[in-house]
C-alpha atoms as a PDB file:
ATOM      1  CA  MET A   1      95.679  68.839  84.068  1.00  0.00           C
ATOM      2  CA  LEU A   2      99.223  67.717  84.796  1.00  0.00           C
ATOM      3  CA  TYR A   3     101.619  67.310  81.956  1.00  0.00           C
ATOM      4  CA  HIS A   4     104.532  64.922  81.795  1.00  0.00           C
ATOM      5  CA  ARG A   5     107.939  65.771  80.471  1.00  0.00           C
ATOM      6  CA  ALA A   6     110.326  63.255  79.038  1.00  0.00           C
ATOM      7  CA  ILE A   7     113.782  62.971  80.556  1.00  0.00           C
ATOM      8  CA  GLY A   8     116.095  60.657  78.681  1.00  0.00           C
ATOM      9  CA  GLY A   9     113.145  58.929  77.030  1.00  0.00           C
ATOM     10  CA  ILE A  10     111.475  58.211  80.389  1.00  0.00           C
ATOM     11  CA  THR A  11     108.429  60.172  81.478  1.00  0.00           C
ATOM     12  CA  SER A  12     109.049  61.399  84.969  1.00  0.00           C
ATOM     13  CA  LEU A  13     106.028  62.726  86.821  1.00  0.00           C
ATOM     14  CA  ALA A  14     108.019  62.695  90.077  1.00  0.00           C
ATOM     15  CA  VAL A  15     110.568  65.167  88.722  1.00  0.00           C
ATOM     16  CA  PHE A  16     107.801  67.426  87.464  1.00  0.00           C
ATOM     17  CA  LEU A  17     105.973  67.357  90.801  1.00  0.00           C
ATOM     18  CA  PHE A  18     109.179  68.079  92.719  1.00  0.00           C
ATOM     19  CA  THR A  19     109.959  71.017  90.431  1.00  0.00           C
ATOM     20  CA  TYR A  20     106.392  72.299  90.627  1.00  0.00           C
ATOM     21  CA  THR A  21     106.278  72.198  94.440  1.00  0.00           C
ATOM     22  CA  SER A  22     109.732  73.757  94.680  1.00  0.00           C
ATOM     23  CA  ILE A  23     108.634  76.712  92.582  1.00  0.00           C
ATOM     24  CA  LYS A  24     105.529  77.072  94.713  1.00  0.00           C
ATOM     25  CA  MET A  25     107.597  77.478  97.903  1.00  0.00           C
ATOM     26  CA  LYS A  26     105.964  80.202  99.968  1.00  0.00           C
ATOM     27  CA  LYS A  27     107.760  83.503 100.449  1.00  0.00           C
ATOM     28  CA  GLU A  28     107.844  83.009 104.196  1.00  0.00           C
ATOM     29  CA  GLU A  29     109.403  79.547 103.840  1.00  0.00           C
ATOM     30  CA  LEU A  30     111.977  80.941 101.445  1.00  0.00           C
ATOM     31  CA  PHE A  31     112.738  83.778 103.855  1.00  0.00           C
ATOM     32  CA  ASP A  32     113.072  81.399 106.820  1.00  0.00           C
ATOM     33  CA  THR A  33     115.365  79.104 104.824  1.00  0.00           C
ATOM     34  CA  VAL A  34     117.643  81.933 103.730  1.00  0.00           C
ATOM     35  CA  ILE A  35     117.801  83.558 107.181  1.00  0.00           C
ATOM     36  CA  GLY A  36     118.507  80.154 108.750  1.00  0.00           C
ATOM     37  CA  VAL A  37     121.369  79.445 106.352  1.00  0.00           C
ATOM     38  CA  VAL A  38     122.796  82.954 106.781  1.00  0.00           C
ATOM     39  CA  SER A  39     122.601  82.532 110.544  1.00  0.00           C
ATOM     40  CA  GLU A  40     124.279  79.133 110.402  1.00  0.00           C
ATOM     41  CA  CYS A  41     127.093  80.322 108.124  1.00  0.00           C
ATOM     42  CA  THR A  42     127.845  83.526 110.046  1.00  0.00           C
ATOM     43  CA  GLY A  43     127.081  82.506 113.628  1.00  0.00           C
ATOM     44  CA  ILE A  44     124.749  85.494 114.077  1.00  0.00           C
ATOM     45  CA  GLY A  45     121.292  84.727 115.471  1.00  0.00           C
ATOM     46  CA  ARG A  46     118.068  85.346 113.570  1.00  0.00           C
ATOM     47  CA  GLU A  47     116.877  88.208 115.779  1.00  0.00           C
ATOM     48  CA  GLU A  48     120.288  89.868 115.643  1.00  0.00           C
ATOM     49  CA  ILE A  49     120.249  89.676 111.837  1.00  0.00           C
ATOM     50  CA  LEU A  50     116.893  91.426 111.741  1.00  0.00           C
ATOM     51  CA  ARG A  51     117.295  93.977 114.568  1.00  0.00           C
ATOM     52  CA  CYS A  52     120.908  94.588 115.656  1.00  0.00           C
ATOM     53  CA  LYS A  53     122.651  97.744 114.430  1.00  0.00           C
ATOM     54  CA  SER A  54     126.289  96.687 114.913  1.00  0.00           C
ATOM     55  CA  GLU A  55     128.548  96.662 111.849  1.00  0.00           C
ATOM     56  CA  GLU A  56     128.831  92.867 111.856  1.00  0.00           C
ATOM     57  CA  CYS A  57     125.054  92.377 112.011  1.00  0.00           C
ATOM     58  CA  THR A  58     124.520  94.995 109.323  1.00  0.00           C
ATOM     59  CA  ASP A  59     126.965  93.144 107.078  1.00  0.00           C
ATOM     60  CA  VAL A  60     125.114  89.877 107.710  1.00  0.00           C
ATOM     61  CA  ARG A  61     121.766  91.541 106.999  1.00  0.00           C
ATOM     62  CA  CYS A  62     123.268  92.820 103.726  1.00  0.00           C
ATOM     63  CA  ILE A  63     124.190  89.231 102.778  1.00  0.00           C
ATOM     64  CA  ALA A  64     120.642  88.077 103.542  1.00  0.00           C
ATOM     65  CA  VAL A  65     119.097  90.874 101.462  1.00  0.00           C
ATOM     66  CA  GLN A  66     121.424  90.165  98.549  1.00  0.00           C
ATOM     67  CA  VAL A  67     120.521  86.472  98.524  1.00  0.00           C
ATOM     68  CA  LEU A  68     116.793  87.131  98.963  1.00  0.00           C
ATOM     69  CA  GLY A  69     116.995  89.621  96.077  1.00  0.00           C
ATOM     70  CA  ARG A  70     117.509  86.681  93.712  1.00  0.00           C
ATOM     71  CA  TYR A  71     113.995  85.431  94.493  1.00  0.00           C
ATOM     72  CA  LEU A  72     111.903  88.296  95.919  1.00  0.00           C
ATOM     73  CA  THR A  73     111.184  91.936  95.143  1.00  0.00           C
ATOM     74  CA  ASP A  74     112.462  94.748  97.357  1.00  0.00           C
ATOM     75  CA  ALA A  75     108.933  95.309  98.703  1.00  0.00           C
ATOM     76  CA  GLN A  76     108.558  91.635  99.667  1.00  0.00           C
ATOM     77  CA  ILE A  77     111.962  91.591 101.369  1.00  0.00           C
ATOM     78  CA  ALA A  78     111.118  94.820 103.188  1.00  0.00           C
ATOM     79  CA  ARG A  79     107.849  93.406 104.515  1.00  0.00           C
ATOM     80  CA  LEU A  80     109.479  90.183 105.716  1.00  0.00           C
ATOM     81  CA  MET A  81     112.475  91.923 107.337  1.00  0.00           C
ATOM     82  CA  GLY A  82     110.596  94.881 108.816  1.00  0.00           C
ATOM     83  CA  LEU A  83     112.448  97.430 106.682  1.00  0.00           C
ATOM     84  CA  THR A  84     111.355  99.965 104.090  1.00  0.00           C
ATOM     85  CA  SER A  85     111.595  99.254 100.365  1.00  0.00           C
ATOM     86  CA  ARG A  86     113.950 102.184 100.090  1.00  0.00           C
ATOM     87  CA  GLY A  87     116.156 100.698 102.814  1.00  0.00           C
ATOM     88  CA  VAL A  88     116.281  97.330 101.040  1.00  0.00           C
ATOM     89  CA  ASN A  89     117.107  99.069  97.764  1.00  0.00           C
ATOM     90  CA  TYR A  90     119.945 100.950  99.487  1.00  0.00           C
ATOM     91  CA  ILE A  91     121.331  97.738 101.003  1.00  0.00           C
ATOM     92  CA  ARG A  92     121.272  96.001  97.619  1.00  0.00           C
ATOM     93  CA  GLY A  93     122.856  99.012  95.940  1.00  0.00           C
ATOM     94  CA  THR A  94     125.784  99.158  98.366  1.00  0.00           C
ATOM     95  CA  PHE A  95     126.511  95.426  98.378  1.00  0.00           C
ATOM     96  CA  SER A  96     129.415  95.810  95.957  1.00  0.00           C
ATOM     97  CA  LEU A  97     131.142  98.129  98.461  1.00  0.00           C
ATOM     98  CA  ARG A  98     130.490  95.834 101.408  1.00  0.00           C
ATOM     99  CA  SER A  99     131.611  92.770  99.480  1.00  0.00           C
ATOM    100  CA  LYS A 100     135.147  94.175  99.454  1.00  0.00           C
ATOM    101  CA  LYS A 101     135.349  93.067 103.092  1.00  0.00           C
ATOM    102  CA  TRP A 102     136.625  89.530 103.527  1.00  0.00           C
ATOM    103  CA  PHE A 103     133.900  88.760 106.111  1.00  0.00           C
ATOM    104  CA  VAL A 104     131.094  89.699 103.734  1.00  0.00           C
ATOM    105  CA  ARG A 105     132.589  88.094 100.627  1.00  0.00           C
ATOM    106  CA  SER A 106     133.499  84.783 102.270  1.00  0.00           C
ATOM    107  CA  ASN A 107     130.185  84.435 104.105  1.00  0.00           C
ATOM    108  CA  TYR A 108     128.194  85.381 100.998  1.00  0.00           C
ATOM    109  CA  GLU A 109     129.990  82.667  99.035  1.00  0.00           C
ATOM    110  CA  ALA A 110     129.361  80.137 101.830  1.00  0.00           C
ATOM    111  CA  VAL A 111     125.648  81.010 101.955  1.00  0.00           C
ATOM    112  CA  VAL A 112     125.249  80.743  98.180  1.00  0.00           C
ATOM    113  CA  LYS A 113     127.081  77.417  98.161  1.00  0.00           C
ATOM    114  CA  MET A 114     124.959  76.026 101.001  1.00  0.00           C
ATOM    115  CA  LEU A 115     121.715  77.204  99.380  1.00  0.00           C
ATOM    116  CA  GLY A 116     122.847  75.716  96.068  1.00  0.00           C
ATOM    117  CA  SER A 117     123.094  72.321  97.740  1.00  0.00           C
ATOM    118  CA  ASN A 118     119.595  72.752  99.223  1.00  0.00           C
ATOM    119  CA  ALA A 119     117.232  70.896  96.872  1.00  0.00           C
ATOM    120  CA  LEU A 120     114.418  73.412  97.389  1.00  0.00           C
ATOM    121  CA  MET A 121     116.599  76.376  96.425  1.00  0.00           C
ATOM    122  CA  ALA A 122     118.449  74.814  93.507  1.00  0.00           C
ATOM    123  CA  VAL A 123     115.501  74.887  91.107  1.00  0.00           C
END
């Protein structure tokens, strides 16, 4: 049974349905959205983010893991990125050191801002 919630005295089933479907976003869709935004903001391709071992790609992968960590567990991120849970935990743990770099900090802020304007991620 669906319930209605009142917003400003008006019952809005549309808002409820939008919120409900946004929360139900699949992990893979969430992952694809985040990787796409990270790729767009940094100019690094999807495959490079996931596989390349250069410092720049590693920094970008760190940004992606940090953002995904807001929504998914380390094990889920590891499965989607092809890493180990321990590796994801290490990346998340060292983000504060990496974020001292201008490249990481500025791109992280750009990604968060862009995802915040994405209606599916804002809920």
